[in-house]
């Protein structure tokens, strides 16, 4: 590997956010790029990371779309959708999670909970989501300053997710804590390999306790749906329920939190676009899509080739890892005019921030609704927001996260 191309395995490569200049170089010069692996290593005393195999890096929109849509040739289940190579016992566990399944198994599991995320169901949550948004802003608008992440963008998806899952409101902080410790594994602010393992066990114990309660006393929440779902003529076992709960906790708050934070940061960096929104609120829907394109919260997922093939003329061997980078695809100049400009009125906007194909984000409609409502309320109540200090990035090669983002505004 030339010295100017850092390894995308290392979180340090993303210490200052997504390396867009690097991805632009790869799109132009090496769109199917080989990233070497690394040998087994001890992450902490008694915690050994297996050897990490090298992988193909896909950075162009067309190639990311192609691989995402062909689950027969590029599997999510063979090796999982996580780039990291796992121990066999961990691999078996993660394969019980919907995002790491292929059709037809994936299709059946997804169908068991799909009704919870359809547009008509999300529409029924509109008024409640707005009430929660106003409640969150009520706590900060009079102060003239806040940390947007912890006090605003994290709170809305947590409150909505807790109600959907059936988690008591006063225990929502557990979801936030587990997510930070698991997704922040490589960030010294949040934890270490021991803490991540402990967080997963705490989450599983909590999910099992909830599942037992819903078996006896079902409710109208998502945990009750999981417990009583029939997939292939049987109910889900405890490991499957635990892993589905794990997925909902992470996907239901981490992604929306970071997209909202990234969106507000973009509006601070491009004040002319904030003025456009203030002058024309009909642009908020397109602004939400542009935020997801601009600050794609999930940076990458993996697929594994099920047979020898090729991508854009590059030979790919069976069992090769192919890693698709959404943030790069969403800045592809072949698809997006002025790709490096933030444009709240961008249309069309065929971004891949929610994925594409069988694994298109199940919660996309909910995330869009939460982001739209939050933007509407912020523009109404604190329209002159601006950054009030440095923005701190999550140390991660997977989640495009913002840990802290102080803002100030005229108190209202």
Protein backbone atom coordinates (compact mmCIF):
# COMPACT_ATOMS: atom_id res chain seq x y z
CA UNK A 1 0.00 0.00 0.00
CA UNK A 2 1.47 3.42 -0.91
CA UNK A 3 2.30 5.43 2.22
CA UNK A 4 -0.25 8.12 1.33
CA UNK A 5 -3.13 5.60 1.58
CA UNK A 6 -3.73 4.93 5.30
CA UNK A 7 -5.45 1.75 6.40
CA UNK A 8 -9.22 2.00 6.69
CA UNK A 9 -9.07 -0.66 9.40
CA UNK A 10 -7.61 1.83 11.85
CA UNK A 11 -9.92 4.20 13.77
CA UNK A 12 -7.10 6.78 13.71
CA UNK A 13 -7.76 7.25 9.98
CA UNK A 14 -11.15 8.68 10.99
CA UNK A 15 -9.97 10.70 14.00
CA UNK A 16 -11.02 13.98 12.36
CA UNK A 17 -14.15 12.60 10.72
CA UNK A 18 -14.65 10.92 7.37
CA UNK A 19 -11.48 11.32 5.24
CA UNK A 20 -13.29 12.69 2.20
CA UNK A 21 -10.09 13.69 0.38
CA UNK A 22 -8.85 10.11 0.68
CA UNK A 23 -12.13 8.70 -0.62
CA UNK A 24 -12.13 11.16 -3.52
CA UNK A 25 -8.64 9.94 -4.44
CA UNK A 26 -9.79 6.31 -4.29
CA UNK A 27 -12.89 7.00 -6.42
CA UNK A 28 -10.65 8.48 -9.10
CA UNK A 29 -7.56 6.27 -8.93
CA UNK A 30 -8.53 2.99 -7.24
CA UNK A 31 -12.32 2.53 -6.99
CA UNK A 32 -11.91 -1.16 -6.02
CA UNK A 33 -8.99 -0.79 -3.65
CA UNK A 34 -7.22 -3.49 -1.65
CA UNK A 35 -6.78 -2.71 2.05
CA UNK A 36 -4.38 -5.14 3.80
CA UNK A 37 -5.36 -6.91 6.99
CA UNK A 38 -3.43 -7.23 10.22
CA UNK A 39 -2.30 -10.14 12.41
CA UNK A 40 -4.01 -11.31 15.57
CA UNK A 41 -3.36 -9.07 18.56
CA UNK A 42 -4.19 -8.72 22.23
CA UNK A 43 -6.57 -5.78 22.66
CA UNK A 44 -6.42 -6.02 26.45
CA UNK A 45 -5.24 -8.62 28.95
CA UNK A 46 -7.10 -11.81 28.03
CA UNK A 47 -8.95 -10.20 25.10
CA UNK A 48 -7.48 -11.40 21.80
CA UNK A 49 -8.66 -10.04 18.48
CA UNK A 50 -8.44 -12.65 15.69
CA UNK A 51 -6.43 -12.04 12.56
CA UNK A 52 -8.16 -9.46 10.39
CA UNK A 53 -8.17 -10.33 6.72
CA UNK A 54 -7.63 -7.72 4.05
CA UNK A 55 -10.63 -6.44 2.10
CA UNK A 56 -11.75 -4.66 -1.04
CA UNK A 57 -12.80 -1.03 -0.53
CA UNK A 58 -15.67 0.19 -2.73
CA UNK A 59 -16.03 3.96 -2.95
CA UNK A 60 -18.16 4.66 -6.04
CA UNK A 61 -21.94 4.97 -5.92
CA UNK A 62 -22.52 2.46 -8.74
CA UNK A 63 -20.38 -0.25 -7.14
CA UNK A 64 -21.87 0.24 -3.66
CA UNK A 65 -25.36 -0.02 -5.17
CA UNK A 66 -24.46 -3.09 -7.22
CA UNK A 67 -23.10 -5.02 -4.24
CA UNK A 68 -25.96 -3.92 -1.95
CA UNK A 69 -28.62 -5.16 -4.35
CA UNK A 70 -27.10 -8.59 -5.07
CA UNK A 71 -27.42 -10.55 -1.81
CA UNK A 72 -27.01 -13.87 -3.63
CA UNK A 73 -23.51 -12.96 -4.84
CA UNK A 74 -22.53 -10.67 -1.95
CA UNK A 75 -23.65 -12.15 1.35
CA UNK A 76 -24.39 -10.36 4.62
CA UNK A 77 -24.58 -13.66 6.50
CA UNK A 78 -21.32 -15.31 5.42
CA UNK A 79 -18.97 -13.48 7.78
CA UNK A 80 -21.69 -10.95 8.82
CA UNK A 81 -22.09 -7.34 7.67
CA UNK A 82 -19.39 -6.22 10.12
CA UNK A 83 -15.94 -5.76 8.64
CA UNK A 84 -14.21 -7.25 11.69
CA UNK A 85 -13.43 -10.96 11.44
CA UNK A 86 -14.78 -12.75 14.51
CA UNK A 87 -14.18 -15.85 16.59
CA UNK A 88 -16.47 -18.73 15.46
CA UNK A 89 -18.69 -18.49 18.55
CA UNK A 90 -19.18 -14.74 18.06
CA UNK A 91 -19.93 -15.25 14.38
CA UNK A 92 -22.75 -17.68 15.22
CA UNK A 93 -24.21 -15.21 17.70
CA UNK A 94 -24.19 -12.25 15.31
CA UNK A 95 -25.76 -14.33 12.55
CA UNK A 96 -28.92 -14.36 14.69
CA UNK A 97 -29.33 -10.62 14.05
CA UNK A 98 -31.44 -9.51 11.10
CA UNK A 99 -28.84 -7.20 9.60
CA UNK A 100 -26.47 -10.18 9.28
CA UNK A 101 -28.95 -12.43 7.43
CA UNK A 102 -29.57 -13.16 3.75
CA UNK A 103 -32.90 -13.93 2.05
CA UNK A 104 -35.08 -15.86 2.48
CA UNK A 105 -34.33 -15.94 6.22
CA UNK A 106 -33.83 -12.18 6.35
CA UNK A 107 -37.11 -11.60 4.51
CA UNK A 108 -39.11 -13.71 6.98
CA UNK A 109 -37.62 -12.12 10.09
CA UNK A 110 -38.05 -8.60 8.71
CA UNK A 111 -41.66 -9.30 7.78
CA UNK A 112 -42.42 -10.24 11.40
CA UNK A 113 -41.80 -6.66 12.59
CA UNK A 114 -42.26 -4.66 9.38
CA UNK A 115 -45.73 -3.34 10.28
CA UNK A 116 -44.20 -1.42 13.18
CA UNK A 117 -42.20 0.74 10.75
CA UNK A 118 -44.62 1.34 7.86
CA UNK A 119 -45.43 4.97 6.94
CA UNK A 120 -48.98 4.76 8.30
CA UNK A 121 -47.66 3.56 11.66
CA UNK A 122 -45.03 6.29 11.80
CA UNK A 123 -47.68 8.89 10.88
CA UNK A 124 -49.57 7.94 14.04
CA UNK A 125 -46.46 8.85 16.05
CA UNK A 126 -46.22 12.34 14.55
CA UNK A 127 -48.02 14.23 17.33
CA UNK A 128 -46.23 12.32 20.08
CA UNK A 129 -42.83 12.90 18.45
CA UNK A 130 -43.55 16.64 18.23
CA UNK A 131 -44.58 16.75 21.89
CA UNK A 132 -41.33 15.03 22.87
CA UNK A 133 -39.30 17.40 20.68
CA UNK A 134 -40.87 20.46 22.29
CA UNK A 135 -40.29 18.98 25.74
CA UNK A 136 -36.59 18.54 24.93
CA UNK A 137 -36.21 22.08 23.59
CA UNK A 138 -38.13 23.55 26.54
CA UNK A 139 -35.21 22.54 28.76
CA UNK A 140 -32.56 24.42 26.75
CA UNK A 141 -34.09 27.34 24.81
CA UNK A 142 -34.08 29.70 27.80
CA UNK A 143 -30.37 29.18 28.52
CA UNK A 144 -28.93 30.41 25.23
CA UNK A 145 -26.45 27.53 25.01
CA UNK A 146 -26.28 23.73 25.31
CA UNK A 147 -24.40 20.67 24.20
CA UNK A 148 -26.53 19.73 21.21
CA UNK A 149 -25.59 16.05 21.29
CA UNK A 150 -26.32 15.08 24.88
CA UNK A 151 -29.18 17.52 25.48
CA UNK A 152 -31.02 17.49 22.15
CA UNK A 153 -30.06 15.08 19.37
CA UNK A 154 -29.56 12.07 21.66
CA UNK A 155 -32.74 12.69 23.64
CA UNK A 156 -35.35 12.53 20.88
CA UNK A 157 -34.48 9.10 19.39
CA UNK A 158 -33.99 7.74 22.92
CA UNK A 159 -37.42 8.87 24.08
CA UNK A 160 -39.14 7.60 20.91
CA UNK A 161 -37.20 4.32 20.96
CA UNK A 162 -37.97 3.69 24.62
CA UNK A 163 -41.69 4.06 23.96
CA UNK A 164 -41.56 1.81 20.88
CA UNK A 165 -39.63 -0.94 22.66
CA UNK A 166 -41.56 -0.67 25.90
CA UNK A 167 -38.58 0.52 27.95
CA UNK A 168 -39.66 2.73 30.86
CA UNK A 169 -38.91 6.37 30.14
CA UNK A 170 -36.74 6.75 33.23
CA UNK A 171 -34.51 3.87 32.05
CA UNK A 172 -33.76 5.31 28.59
CA UNK A 173 -30.31 6.36 29.82
CA UNK A 174 -29.42 2.65 29.81
CA UNK A 175 -29.91 2.54 26.02
CA UNK A 176 -27.65 5.58 25.63
CA UNK A 177 -24.97 4.10 27.88
CA UNK A 178 -24.96 0.69 26.18
CA UNK A 179 -24.74 2.29 22.74
CA UNK A 180 -21.83 4.53 23.69
CA UNK A 181 -19.87 1.68 25.27
CA UNK A 182 -20.46 -0.68 22.35
CA UNK A 183 -20.05 1.74 19.44
CA UNK A 184 -17.32 3.67 21.26
CA UNK A 185 -15.17 0.59 21.80
CA UNK A 186 -12.16 2.30 20.20
CA UNK A 187 -12.81 5.69 21.82
CA UNK A 188 -10.99 6.26 25.14
CA UNK A 189 -13.84 8.51 26.33
CA UNK A 190 -16.33 5.65 26.27
CA UNK A 191 -14.66 2.42 27.20
CA UNK A 192 -12.47 -0.51 26.29
CA UNK A 193 -12.92 -4.15 25.26
CA UNK A 194 -13.87 -5.19 28.81
CA UNK A 195 -16.48 -2.46 29.06
CA UNK A 196 -17.95 -3.31 25.66
CA UNK A 197 -18.33 -6.96 26.69
CA UNK A 198 -19.96 -5.91 29.96
CA UNK A 199 -22.35 -3.58 28.12
CA UNK A 200 -23.45 -6.39 25.80
CA UNK A 201 -24.12 -8.71 28.73
CA UNK A 202 -26.09 -5.99 30.55
CA UNK A 203 -28.15 -5.39 27.41
CA UNK A 204 -28.84 -9.11 26.96
CA UNK A 205 -29.91 -9.52 30.60
CA UNK A 206 -32.25 -6.56 30.30
CA UNK A 207 -33.74 -7.87 27.04
CA UNK A 208 -34.29 -11.36 28.50
CA UNK A 209 -36.03 -9.88 31.52
CA UNK A 210 -38.29 -7.80 29.27
CA UNK A 211 -39.00 -10.82 27.07
CA UNK A 212 -40.11 -12.89 30.07
CA UNK A 213 -42.45 -10.10 31.17
CA UNK A 214 -43.98 -9.75 27.70
CA UNK A 215 -44.50 -13.51 27.40
CA UNK A 216 -46.76 -13.32 30.43
CA UNK A 217 -48.23 -9.86 29.85
CA UNK A 218 -48.03 -8.79 26.19
CA UNK A 219 -48.43 -5.12 25.35
CA UNK A 220 -48.55 -3.06 22.16
CA UNK A 221 -44.79 -2.46 22.10
CA UNK A 222 -42.08 -3.84 19.84
CA UNK A 223 -40.70 -6.23 22.45
CA UNK A 224 -44.12 -7.93 22.61
CA UNK A 225 -44.06 -8.25 18.83
CA UNK A 226 -40.61 -9.88 18.96
CA UNK A 227 -41.58 -12.29 21.73
CA UNK A 228 -44.74 -13.50 19.99
CA UNK A 229 -43.56 -13.32 16.36
CA UNK A 230 -43.84 -16.49 14.30
CA UNK A 231 -40.89 -17.02 11.94
CA UNK A 232 -40.77 -20.24 9.94
CA UNK A 233 -43.49 -21.71 12.14
CA UNK A 234 -41.80 -21.04 15.49
CA UNK A 235 -41.23 -18.25 17.98
CA UNK A 236 -37.82 -16.58 18.21
CA UNK A 237 -35.51 -18.04 20.85
CA UNK A 238 -33.85 -15.93 23.53
CA UNK A 239 -30.62 -15.38 21.59
CA UNK A 240 -32.57 -14.19 18.55
CA UNK A 241 -34.65 -11.85 20.71
CA UNK A 242 -31.53 -10.54 22.46
CA UNK A 243 -29.80 -9.86 19.16
CA UNK A 244 -32.88 -8.17 17.67
CA UNK A 245 -33.19 -5.97 20.77
CA UNK A 246 -29.48 -5.17 20.44
CA UNK A 247 -30.01 -4.13 16.81
CA UNK A 248 -33.01 -1.92 17.65
CA UNK A 249 -31.16 -0.20 20.50
CA UNK A 250 -28.14 0.63 18.33
CA UNK A 251 -29.90 1.42 15.05
CA UNK A 252 -32.77 3.23 16.73
CA UNK A 253 -30.73 5.88 18.50
CA UNK A 254 -27.12 5.98 17.30
CA UNK A 255 -27.86 6.74 13.65
CA UNK A 256 -30.57 9.39 14.14
CA UNK A 257 -28.58 11.08 16.91
CA UNK A 258 -25.54 11.48 14.67
CA UNK A 259 -27.49 12.48 11.57
CA UNK A 260 -29.25 15.23 13.55
CA UNK A 261 -25.96 16.41 15.03
CA UNK A 262 -24.28 16.35 11.63
CA UNK A 263 -27.20 18.24 10.11
CA UNK A 264 -27.07 21.06 12.63
CA UNK A 265 -23.31 21.25 12.20
CA UNK A 266 -23.77 21.54 8.43
CA UNK A 267 -26.31 24.34 8.87
CA UNK A 268 -23.77 26.15 11.08
CA UNK A 269 -21.03 25.64 8.49
CA UNK A 270 -23.33 26.75 5.64
CA UNK A 271 -25.39 29.61 7.10
CA UNK A 272 -26.78 30.48 3.67
CA UNK A 273 -28.53 27.08 3.66
CA UNK A 274 -30.01 27.76 7.08
CA UNK A 275 -31.36 31.05 5.72
CA UNK A 276 -32.94 29.17 2.81
CA UNK A 277 -34.75 26.90 5.27
CA UNK A 278 -35.90 29.84 7.37
CA UNK A 279 -37.28 31.51 4.26
CA UNK A 280 -38.90 28.37 2.80
CA UNK A 281 -39.95 25.62 5.22
CA UNK A 282 -41.08 23.40 2.32
CA UNK A 283 -37.38 22.62 1.84
CA UNK A 284 -37.15 20.77 5.15
CA UNK A 285 -37.97 17.38 3.60
CA UNK A 286 -35.23 17.71 1.01
CA UNK A 287 -32.94 19.07 3.72
CA UNK A 288 -33.39 15.85 5.71
CA UNK A 289 -32.28 13.79 2.70
CA UNK A 290 -29.31 16.09 2.14
CA UNK A 291 -28.28 15.76 5.78
CA UNK A 292 -28.23 11.96 5.46
CA UNK A 293 -26.18 12.27 2.26
CA UNK A 294 -23.79 14.81 3.76
CA UNK A 295 -23.32 13.17 7.16
CA UNK A 296 -23.99 9.48 6.48
CA UNK A 297 -24.04 8.12 10.07
CA UNK A 298 -23.02 4.55 9.18
CA UNK A 299 -19.74 4.75 7.29
CA UNK A 300 -19.51 1.20 5.99
CA UNK A 301 -20.83 -2.34 5.95
CA UNK A 302 -19.26 -5.54 4.68
CA UNK A 303 -20.39 -8.19 2.24
CA UNK A 304 -18.63 -11.48 1.43
CA UNK A 305 -18.38 -12.85 -2.12
CA UNK A 306 -20.11 -16.23 -2.43
CA UNK A 307 -18.18 -17.16 -5.60
CA UNK A 308 -15.47 -15.81 -7.87
CA UNK A 309 -16.63 -12.66 -9.64
CA UNK A 310 -15.45 -9.19 -10.59
CA UNK A 311 -16.35 -5.60 -9.77
CA UNK A 312 -15.51 -2.84 -12.23
CA UNK A 313 -12.99 -5.14 -13.91
CA UNK A 314 -11.27 -6.16 -10.67
CA UNK A 315 -11.25 -9.91 -9.95
CA UNK A 316 -12.90 -10.81 -6.62
CA UNK A 317 -12.36 -14.31 -5.22
CA UNK A 318 -14.93 -16.37 -3.34
CA UNK A 319 -14.93 -15.44 0.38
CA UNK A 320 -13.19 -12.12 -0.25
CA UNK A 321 -14.45 -9.32 1.97
CA UNK A 322 -16.01 -6.41 0.10
CA UNK A 323 -16.60 -3.28 2.19
CA UNK A 324 -18.99 -0.61 0.92
CA UNK A 325 -18.43 2.99 2.03
CA UNK A 326 -21.67 4.95 2.03
CA UNK A 327 -20.16 8.35 2.82
CA UNK A 328 -17.88 8.05 -0.20
CA UNK A 329 -20.68 6.87 -2.49
CA UNK A 330 -22.73 9.86 -1.33
CA UNK A 331 -20.00 12.27 -2.52
CA UNK A 332 -19.51 10.56 -5.90
CA UNK A 333 -19.16 13.28 -8.53
CA UNK A 334 -20.53 10.89 -11.17
CA UNK A 335 -23.91 11.00 -9.45
CA UNK A 336 -24.10 14.25 -7.48
CA UNK A 337 -23.62 17.66 -9.04
CA UNK A 338 -21.54 19.84 -6.68
CA UNK A 339 -21.05 16.78 -4.49
CA UNK A 340 -18.92 18.69 -1.97
CA UNK A 341 -21.57 21.36 -1.40
CA UNK A 342 -24.36 21.11 1.17
CA UNK A 343 -27.63 21.96 -0.61
CA UNK A 344 -30.90 21.77 1.36
CA UNK A 345 -32.89 21.86 -1.88
CA UNK A 346 -30.96 19.09 -3.65
CA UNK A 347 -33.26 17.16 -5.97
CA UNK A 348 -32.95 14.47 -7.13
CA UNK A 349 -30.87 13.07 -4.30
CA UNK A 350 -30.25 9.32 -4.77
CA UNK A 351 -28.09 9.04 -1.65
CA UNK A 352 -27.33 5.69 -0.05
CA UNK A 353 -27.31 6.89 3.55
CA UNK A 354 -30.17 4.52 4.42
CA UNK A 355 -28.67 1.71 2.36
CA UNK A 356 -30.28 0.12 -0.67
CA UNK A 357 -31.64 -3.33 -1.54
CA UNK A 358 -32.86 -5.94 0.96
CA UNK A 359 -31.14 -4.20 3.86
CA UNK A 360 -32.59 -0.74 3.24
CA UNK A 361 -32.95 0.80 6.70
CA UNK A 362 -36.12 -0.54 8.34
CA UNK A 363 -36.40 2.60 10.48
CA UNK A 364 -35.84 5.13 7.67
CA UNK A 365 -39.38 6.52 7.88
CA UNK A 366 -39.08 6.99 11.62
CA UNK A 367 -35.66 8.65 11.32
CA UNK A 368 -36.94 11.00 8.63
CA UNK A 369 -39.93 11.98 10.78
CA UNK A 370 -37.78 12.63 13.86
CA UNK A 371 -35.30 14.73 11.89
CA UNK A 372 -38.00 16.71 10.08
CA UNK A 373 -39.89 17.53 13.27
CA UNK A 374 -36.73 18.47 15.17
CA UNK A 375 -35.60 20.77 12.35
CA UNK A 376 -39.03 22.43 12.21
CA UNK A 377 -39.00 23.12 15.94
CA UNK A 378 -35.38 24.30 16.08
CA UNK A 379 -35.86 26.71 13.19
CA UNK A 380 -38.92 28.10 14.96
CA UNK A 381 -37.53 28.42 18.47
CA UNK A 382 -33.74 28.95 18.17
CA UNK A 383 -33.23 30.00 14.53
CA UNK A 384 -29.90 31.78 15.09
CA UNK A 385 -28.00 28.76 16.47
CA UNK A 386 -24.26 28.61 15.83
CA UNK A 387 -21.29 26.58 17.03
CA UNK A 388 -19.92 27.59 20.42
CA UNK A 389 -16.72 25.56 20.61
CA UNK A 390 -14.92 22.62 19.04
CA UNK A 391 -16.89 19.65 17.70
CA UNK A 392 -15.59 16.36 19.13
CA UNK A 393 -15.68 13.35 16.81
CA UNK A 394 -16.21 9.73 17.87
CA UNK A 395 -13.06 7.65 17.47
CA UNK A 396 -14.50 4.98 15.14
CA UNK A 397 -14.03 3.44 11.70
CA UNK A 398 -17.72 2.41 11.59
CA UNK A 399 -19.98 5.16 12.98
CA UNK A 400 -19.69 8.77 11.81
CA UNK A 401 -20.31 9.99 15.32
CA UNK A 402 -20.21 13.32 17.12
CA UNK A 403 -19.63 13.11 20.88
CA UNK A 404 -20.01 16.75 21.85
CA UNK A 405 -21.10 19.85 19.94
CA UNK A 406 -21.67 23.06 21.93
CA UNK A 407 -24.02 25.58 20.32
CA UNK A 408 -25.29 29.01 21.34
CA UNK A 409 -28.39 30.96 20.36
CA UNK A 410 -30.60 33.81 21.49
CA UNK A 411 -32.61 32.60 24.51
CA UNK A 412 -36.34 32.29 23.86
